[in-house]
Amino acid sequence: MIDSRDRRHLERCVDLAEETLSAGNEPFGSILVSQDGETLLEAVNEVGGGDPTRHPEFAIARWAAENLAPEQRAKAVVYTSGEHCPMCSAAHAWAGLGRIVYASSAAQLTAWQGELGAAPSPVAPLPIRDVAPGVPVDGPVDDLATRVRDLHRRSNERG
């Protein structure tokens, strides 16, 4: 169940996705939030530099593993503009992070890529639940997903 606090964090993720799109990256933004509601880390997609693994969710998993105790990781929440890819889902589970809340789903992104004539992902668009079945997951949020779709449209037009 997505509440007003979740929504506020998701809106920030979509804003981050827009910011990183303007910087020449793919439109994905994520936030790591402590059990107490403190934003611990904001991360954006950085694949524009040539490394296709520079996903924000992967960066969050690495940072959390290096900076948080296991019990802190388990109680933290990752908010993200788009559902984790399989690489990021696995990193999230291996790091022992808690709940994931996303604005748009992998299924939505796959459909948008087809509609926009974009190249498909080189990795199967598996839902988080298929890759990391023990991780609690909530999403998508329809109106925020519409904003994310527009960012992907803009990204595709940019080429």
Protein backbone atom coordinates (compact mmCIF):
# COMPACT_ATOMS: atom_id res chain seq x y z
CA MET A 1 0.00 0.00 0.00
CA ILE A 2 1.45 3.32 -1.08
CA ASP A 3 0.84 6.18 1.35
CA SER A 4 1.49 9.94 1.18
CA ARG A 5 5.08 9.55 2.44
CA ASP A 6 5.77 6.98 -0.27
CA ARG A 7 4.27 9.25 -2.88
CA ARG A 8 6.43 12.19 -1.82
CA HIS A 9 9.57 10.07 -2.22
CA LEU A 10 8.39 8.71 -5.57
CA GLU A 11 7.77 12.24 -6.84
CA ARG A 12 11.37 13.08 -5.93
CA CYS A 13 12.54 10.01 -7.86
CA VAL A 14 10.69 11.17 -10.97
CA ASP A 15 12.24 14.63 -10.54
CA LEU A 16 15.68 13.01 -10.32
CA ALA A 17 14.91 11.00 -13.47
CA GLU A 18 14.11 14.22 -15.28
CA GLU A 19 17.31 15.86 -14.03
CA THR A 20 19.51 12.99 -15.19
CA LEU A 21 17.77 12.89 -18.58
CA SER A 22 18.74 16.54 -18.99
CA ALA A 23 22.34 15.53 -18.19
CA GLY A 24 22.40 12.99 -21.05
CA ASN A 25 21.48 9.82 -19.17
CA GLU A 26 18.49 7.50 -19.22
CA PRO A 27 15.60 8.77 -17.06
CA PHE A 28 15.89 6.81 -13.81
CA GLY A 29 16.19 8.20 -10.29
CA SER A 30 16.17 6.45 -6.92
CA ILE A 31 16.30 7.25 -3.21
CA LEU A 32 17.33 5.20 -0.18
CA VAL A 33 15.29 6.09 2.92
CA SER A 34 15.95 4.92 6.46
CA GLN A 35 13.35 3.35 8.72
CA ASP A 36 13.00 6.79 10.35
CA GLY A 37 12.20 8.48 7.03
CA GLU A 38 15.61 10.10 6.54
CA THR A 39 16.87 10.25 2.96
CA LEU A 40 20.23 8.50 3.11
CA LEU A 41 21.19 8.64 -0.55
CA GLU A 42 19.86 9.94 -3.85
CA ALA A 43 21.16 8.33 -7.03
CA VAL A 44 20.54 8.76 -10.74
CA ASN A 45 21.23 6.79 -13.87
CA GLU A 46 24.73 7.53 -15.17
CA VAL A 47 24.98 5.28 -18.23
CA GLY A 48 25.63 8.29 -20.46
CA GLY A 49 29.30 7.99 -19.50
CA GLY A 50 29.54 4.64 -21.31
CA ASP A 51 29.09 2.14 -18.45
CA PRO A 52 25.70 0.43 -18.91
CA THR A 53 25.74 -0.86 -15.30
CA ARG A 54 25.58 2.64 -13.76
CA HIS A 55 21.98 2.23 -12.59
CA PRO A 56 20.89 4.18 -9.49
CA GLU A 57 19.47 1.10 -7.74
CA PHE A 58 22.79 -0.73 -8.13
CA ALA A 59 24.65 2.28 -6.71
CA ILE A 60 22.26 2.33 -3.74
CA ALA A 61 22.81 -1.38 -3.05
CA ARG A 62 26.60 -0.90 -3.11
CA TRP A 63 26.45 2.17 -0.89
CA ALA A 64 24.13 0.48 1.61
CA ALA A 65 26.36 -2.61 1.83
CA GLU A 66 29.36 -0.39 2.59
CA ASN A 67 27.69 2.07 4.96
CA LEU A 68 24.78 0.44 6.79
CA ALA A 69 24.54 -2.43 9.25
CA PRO A 70 22.51 -5.42 8.06
CA GLU A 71 19.57 -4.53 10.30
CA GLN A 72 19.53 -0.95 8.97
CA ARG A 73 19.54 -2.22 5.37
CA ALA A 74 16.67 -4.60 6.06
CA LYS A 75 14.52 -1.74 7.40
CA ALA A 76 15.41 0.77 4.68
CA VAL A 77 13.18 1.48 1.68
CA VAL A 78 14.33 2.06 -1.89
CA TYR A 79 12.10 4.37 -3.91
CA THR A 80 12.63 4.47 -7.65
CA SER A 81 11.13 5.96 -10.77
CA GLY A 82 11.21 2.60 -12.57
CA GLU A 83 11.04 -0.98 -11.35
CA HIS A 84 14.48 -2.51 -10.85
CA CYS A 85 16.00 -4.47 -13.72
CA PRO A 86 17.17 -8.02 -12.90
CA MET A 87 20.74 -6.81 -12.19
CA CYS A 88 19.51 -4.24 -9.69
CA SER A 89 16.93 -6.59 -8.15
CA ALA A 90 19.68 -9.10 -7.48
CA ALA A 91 22.00 -6.46 -6.01
CA HIS A 92 19.16 -5.24 -3.79
CA ALA A 93 18.48 -8.75 -2.48
CA TRP A 94 22.17 -9.59 -2.00
CA ALA A 95 22.67 -6.36 -0.03
CA GLY A 96 19.74 -7.29 2.21
CA LEU A 97 17.76 -4.13 1.57
CA GLY A 98 14.08 -3.90 2.51
CA ARG A 99 11.01 -2.76 0.61
CA ILE A 100 11.05 -1.36 -2.93
CA VAL A 101 8.47 1.17 -4.11
CA TYR A 102 8.40 2.16 -7.79
CA ALA A 103 6.50 4.66 -9.92
CA SER A 104 6.50 2.63 -13.15
CA SER A 105 6.86 -1.09 -13.81
CA ALA A 106 9.19 -3.10 -16.02
CA ALA A 107 6.14 -4.26 -18.00
CA GLN A 108 5.16 -0.66 -18.64
CA LEU A 109 8.69 0.24 -19.76
CA THR A 110 8.75 -2.72 -22.15
CA ALA A 111 5.44 -1.63 -23.66
CA TRP A 112 6.62 1.97 -23.98
CA GLN A 113 9.83 0.87 -25.70
CA GLY A 114 7.74 -0.97 -28.27
CA GLU A 115 5.38 1.97 -28.79
CA LEU A 116 8.27 4.40 -29.14
CA GLY A 117 10.30 2.21 -31.48
CA ALA A 118 13.16 2.05 -28.97
CA ALA A 119 15.58 -0.83 -28.86
CA PRO A 120 14.55 -3.47 -26.35
CA SER A 121 16.61 -4.08 -23.23
CA PRO A 122 19.41 -6.64 -23.62
CA VAL A 123 18.13 -8.23 -20.38
CA ALA A 124 14.75 -9.89 -19.86
CA PRO A 125 12.34 -7.46 -18.16
CA LEU A 126 11.69 -9.71 -15.17
CA PRO A 127 9.63 -8.30 -12.32
CA ILE A 128 11.47 -7.81 -9.02
CA ARG A 129 9.34 -10.56 -7.47
CA ASP A 130 10.74 -13.08 -9.98
CA VAL A 131 14.36 -12.18 -9.24
CA ALA A 132 14.12 -11.38 -5.52
CA PRO A 133 10.96 -13.09 -4.24
CA GLY A 134 11.61 -12.22 -0.59
CA VAL A 135 11.66 -8.45 -1.14
CA PRO A 136 8.40 -6.56 -0.43
CA VAL A 137 7.40 -4.51 -3.48
CA ASP A 138 4.78 -1.84 -4.19
CA GLY A 139 4.00 -0.07 -7.45
CA PRO A 140 3.29 1.21 -10.00
CA VAL A 141 1.51 4.54 -9.42
CA ASP A 142 -0.54 5.44 -12.49
CA ASP A 143 -0.14 9.21 -12.64
CA LEU A 144 3.58 9.06 -11.86
CA ALA A 145 4.02 6.30 -14.45
CA THR A 146 2.51 8.69 -17.00
CA ARG A 147 5.21 11.25 -16.14
CA VAL A 148 7.90 8.55 -16.43
CA ARG A 149 6.53 7.49 -19.83
CA ASP A 150 6.91 11.09 -21.02
CA LEU A 151 10.55 11.09 -19.88
CA HIS A 152 11.20 7.91 -21.86
CA ARG A 153 9.50 9.46 -24.89
CA ARG A 154 11.84 12.46 -24.58
CA SER A 155 14.83 10.14 -24.15
CA ASN A 156 13.89 8.19 -27.26
CA GLU A 157 13.41 11.35 -29.31
CA ARG A 158 16.84 12.52 -28.26
CA GLY A 159 18.27 9.31 -29.64
